[in-house]
């Protein structure tokens, strides 16, 4: 998948009800108030937890439950 520059987005990606956020070099993840985790950014090495690939919008992390 081709890398998408942040400057190529028309508007920022939104995550509402965020409790905590963690950022890496080219990606970020947010823990929401309801206990869900979503990540976005570059995911070439699986760092997004979405099964692979980049995400320009927040996507849920696969396999988290509880």
Protein backbone atom coordinates (compact mmCIF):
# COMPACT_ATOMS: atom_id res chain seq x y z
CA UNK A 1 0.00 0.00 0.00
CA UNK A 2 1.30 3.44 -0.84
CA UNK A 3 2.12 5.70 2.06
CA UNK A 4 -0.25 8.62 2.40
CA UNK A 5 1.23 11.84 3.60
CA UNK A 6 -0.59 13.63 6.38
CA UNK A 7 -0.47 16.71 4.15
CA UNK A 8 -2.62 14.83 1.60
CA UNK A 9 -5.64 14.71 3.94
CA UNK A 10 -8.38 17.26 3.36
CA UNK A 11 -9.29 17.30 7.07
CA UNK A 12 -7.99 15.82 10.32
CA UNK A 13 -9.13 12.36 11.42
CA UNK A 14 -11.34 12.56 14.48
CA UNK A 15 -11.63 10.35 17.52
CA UNK A 16 -14.19 11.36 20.11
CA UNK A 17 -14.25 10.48 23.80
CA UNK A 18 -10.50 9.85 24.08
CA UNK A 19 -9.14 8.82 27.47
CA UNK A 20 -5.47 8.30 26.49
CA UNK A 21 -3.38 8.58 23.37
CA UNK A 22 -0.03 7.06 22.44
CA UNK A 23 2.07 8.04 19.45
CA UNK A 24 4.89 6.43 17.56
CA UNK A 25 7.09 7.82 14.83
CA UNK A 26 4.46 7.44 12.08
CA UNK A 27 1.35 6.25 13.89
CA UNK A 28 -0.96 6.96 16.84
CA UNK A 29 -3.44 5.01 18.95
CA UNK A 30 -6.26 6.21 21.16
CA UNK A 31 -7.98 4.51 24.09
CA UNK A 32 -11.57 5.72 24.22
CA UNK A 33 -13.73 6.23 27.30
CA UNK A 34 -15.64 3.03 26.45
CA UNK A 35 -12.44 0.93 26.51
CA UNK A 36 -11.92 0.57 22.75
CA UNK A 37 -8.61 1.21 21.00
CA UNK A 38 -8.27 2.70 17.53
CA UNK A 39 -5.04 3.38 15.63
CA UNK A 40 -4.07 5.25 12.48
CA UNK A 41 -0.96 6.13 10.50
CA UNK A 42 1.61 3.92 8.82
CA UNK A 43 1.13 0.22 9.51
CA UNK A 44 3.69 -1.53 7.33
CA UNK A 45 5.01 -3.60 10.26
CA UNK A 46 1.69 -4.33 11.98
CA UNK A 47 1.97 -1.52 14.51
CA UNK A 48 -1.68 -0.51 14.04
CA UNK A 49 -3.12 -3.86 15.06
CA UNK A 50 -5.60 -3.78 12.18
CA UNK A 51 -4.33 -6.80 10.28
CA UNK A 52 -1.81 -4.86 8.22
CA UNK A 53 -1.62 -1.75 6.12
CA UNK A 54 -1.78 1.99 6.57
CA UNK A 55 -4.84 3.84 7.86
CA UNK A 56 -5.63 7.52 7.30
CA UNK A 57 -8.61 7.28 9.67
CA UNK A 58 -8.77 5.61 13.10
CA UNK A 59 -9.44 1.88 12.81
CA UNK A 60 -10.26 -0.50 15.67
CA UNK A 61 -7.46 -2.74 16.92
CA UNK A 62 -8.26 -6.40 16.14
CA UNK A 63 -8.45 -8.95 18.95
CA UNK A 64 -8.81 -6.68 21.96
CA UNK A 65 -11.61 -7.59 24.30
CA UNK A 66 -12.45 -7.60 27.91
